[in-house]
Amino acid sequence: MSKLNDLDKRVLGALTGRDRIKALLSERGLSLTAFAEKHNLWVENVSRCISGDRTLPDIRAKLADELALPQATIDTLIEG
């Protein structure tokens, strides 16, 4: 597990679910579309995954890797 930097902590504390993930991706220079393209995914599936409409464990795993966060943190962000 990697350490969260101060910005990550502030972002995670101020936003909820989908917006937290989008903000963390944005901090790393990625939009949802850019993340999807980088990982050869459909942006619609990424969007549905982070909004909680679809489980899609492979996308959750890729988000965890990209954001250097534990899988459990990604699951909590998505599921609330």
C-alpha atoms as a PDB file:
ATOM      1  CA  MET A   1       0.000   0.000   0.000  1.00  0.00           C
ATOM      2  CA  SER A   2       1.365   3.407  -0.915  1.00  0.00           C
ATOM      3  CA  LYS A   3       1.173   6.475   1.266  1.00  0.00           C
ATOM      4  CA  LEU A   4      -1.360   9.124   0.329  1.00  0.00           C
ATOM      5  CA  ASN A   5       0.080  12.577  -0.184  1.00  0.00           C
ATOM      6  CA  ASP A   6      -1.546  15.631   1.425  1.00  0.00           C
ATOM      7  CA  LEU A   7      -3.524  16.533  -1.692  1.00  0.00           C
ATOM      8  CA  ASP A   8      -4.873  12.992  -1.955  1.00  0.00           C
ATOM      9  CA  LYS A   9      -6.018  13.149   1.673  1.00  0.00           C
ATOM     10  CA  ARG A  10      -7.736  16.519   1.185  1.00  0.00           C
ATOM     11  CA  VAL A  11      -9.431  15.366  -2.023  1.00  0.00           C
ATOM     12  CA  LEU A  12     -10.614  12.116  -0.481  1.00  0.00           C
ATOM     13  CA  GLY A  13     -11.998  13.998   2.518  1.00  0.00           C
ATOM     14  CA  ALA A  14     -13.822  16.696   0.560  1.00  0.00           C
ATOM     15  CA  LEU A  15     -15.545  14.716  -2.195  1.00  0.00           C
ATOM     16  CA  THR A  16     -17.680  11.641  -2.481  1.00  0.00           C
ATOM     17  CA  GLY A  17     -17.314   8.470  -4.568  1.00  0.00           C
ATOM     18  CA  ARG A  18     -17.260   9.132  -8.293  1.00  0.00           C
ATOM     19  CA  ASP A  19     -15.994  12.697  -7.875  1.00  0.00           C
ATOM     20  CA  ARG A  20     -13.145  11.530  -5.637  1.00  0.00           C
ATOM     21  CA  ILE A  21     -11.953   9.063  -8.245  1.00  0.00           C
ATOM     22  CA  LYS A  22     -12.279  11.604 -11.060  1.00  0.00           C
ATOM     23  CA  ALA A  23     -10.347  14.195  -9.048  1.00  0.00           C
ATOM     24  CA  LEU A  24      -7.578  11.745  -8.203  1.00  0.00           C
ATOM     25  CA  LEU A  25      -7.295  10.769 -11.873  1.00  0.00           C
ATOM     26  CA  SER A  26      -7.263  14.428 -12.837  1.00  0.00           C
ATOM     27  CA  GLU A  27      -4.447  15.137 -10.377  1.00  0.00           C
ATOM     28  CA  ARG A  28      -2.466  12.571 -12.328  1.00  0.00           C
ATOM     29  CA  GLY A  29      -3.349  14.190 -15.655  1.00  0.00           C
ATOM     30  CA  LEU A  30      -6.052  11.715 -16.680  1.00  0.00           C
ATOM     31  CA  SER A  31      -9.695  12.241 -17.566  1.00  0.00           C
ATOM     32  CA  LEU A  32     -12.053   9.261 -17.557  1.00  0.00           C
ATOM     33  CA  THR A  33     -11.621   9.079 -21.323  1.00  0.00           C
ATOM     34  CA  ALA A  34      -7.823   9.186 -21.078  1.00  0.00           C
ATOM     35  CA  PHE A  35      -7.839   6.504 -18.371  1.00  0.00           C
ATOM     36  CA  ALA A  36     -10.119   4.317 -20.501  1.00  0.00           C
ATOM     37  CA  GLU A  37      -7.936   4.768 -23.586  1.00  0.00           C
ATOM     38  CA  LYS A  38      -4.730   4.093 -21.636  1.00  0.00           C
ATOM     39  CA  HIS A  39      -6.138   0.783 -20.408  1.00  0.00           C
ATOM     40  CA  ASN A  40      -8.008  -0.125 -23.614  1.00  0.00           C
ATOM     41  CA  LEU A  41     -11.420   0.151 -21.935  1.00  0.00           C
ATOM     42  CA  TRP A  42     -14.750   1.626 -22.961  1.00  0.00           C
ATOM     43  CA  VAL A  43     -15.208   4.967 -21.199  1.00  0.00           C
ATOM     44  CA  GLU A  44     -18.883   4.093 -20.676  1.00  0.00           C
ATOM     45  CA  ASN A  45     -17.860   1.022 -18.674  1.00  0.00           C
ATOM     46  CA  VAL A  46     -15.411   3.055 -16.595  1.00  0.00           C
ATOM     47  CA  SER A  47     -18.134   5.614 -15.908  1.00  0.00           C
ATOM     48  CA  ARG A  48     -20.657   2.923 -14.968  1.00  0.00           C
ATOM     49  CA  CYS A  49     -18.106   1.242 -12.741  1.00  0.00           C
ATOM     50  CA  ILE A  50     -17.211   4.322 -10.710  1.00  0.00           C
ATOM     51  CA  SER A  51     -20.844   5.351 -10.396  1.00  0.00           C
ATOM     52  CA  GLY A  52     -21.623   1.920  -8.936  1.00  0.00           C
ATOM     53  CA  ASP A  53     -23.967   0.862 -11.754  1.00  0.00           C
ATOM     54  CA  ARG A  54     -21.735  -2.112 -12.647  1.00  0.00           C
ATOM     55  CA  THR A  55     -19.217  -3.985 -10.508  1.00  0.00           C
ATOM     56  CA  LEU A  56     -16.494  -4.616 -13.152  1.00  0.00           C
ATOM     57  CA  PRO A  57     -13.673  -5.861 -10.885  1.00  0.00           C
ATOM     58  CA  ASP A  58     -11.063  -5.555 -13.653  1.00  0.00           C
ATOM     59  CA  ILE A  59     -11.716  -1.813 -13.953  1.00  0.00           C
ATOM     60  CA  ARG A  60     -11.625  -1.420 -10.174  1.00  0.00           C
ATOM     61  CA  ALA A  61      -8.246  -3.187 -10.134  1.00  0.00           C
ATOM     62  CA  LYS A  62      -6.902  -0.919 -12.872  1.00  0.00           C
ATOM     63  CA  LEU A  63      -8.128   2.156 -10.972  1.00  0.00           C
ATOM     64  CA  ALA A  64      -6.422   0.915  -7.805  1.00  0.00           C
ATOM     65  CA  ASP A  65      -3.165   0.385  -9.704  1.00  0.00           C
ATOM     66  CA  GLU A  66      -3.364   3.710 -11.527  1.00  0.00           C
ATOM     67  CA  LEU A  67      -4.107   5.657  -8.348  1.00  0.00           C
ATOM     68  CA  ALA A  68      -1.721   3.603  -6.179  1.00  0.00           C
ATOM     69  CA  LEU A  69      -4.535   2.933  -3.731  1.00  0.00           C
ATOM     70  CA  PRO A  70      -5.590  -0.330  -2.121  1.00  0.00           C
ATOM     71  CA  GLN A  71      -8.416  -2.167  -3.874  1.00  0.00           C
ATOM     72  CA  ALA A  72     -10.487  -1.819  -0.692  1.00  0.00           C
ATOM     73  CA  THR A  73     -10.241   1.986  -0.908  1.00  0.00           C
ATOM     74  CA  ILE A  74     -11.489   1.978  -4.497  1.00  0.00           C
ATOM     75  CA  ASP A  75     -14.334  -0.359  -3.494  1.00  0.00           C
ATOM     76  CA  THR A  76     -15.280   1.945  -0.604  1.00  0.00           C
ATOM     77  CA  LEU A  77     -15.212   5.028  -2.844  1.00  0.00           C
ATOM     78  CA  ILE A  78     -17.498   3.342  -5.336  1.00  0.00           C
ATOM     79  CA  GLU A  79     -19.844   1.632  -2.911  1.00  0.00           C
ATOM     80  CA  GLY A  80     -19.997   4.411  -0.348  1.00  0.00           C
END
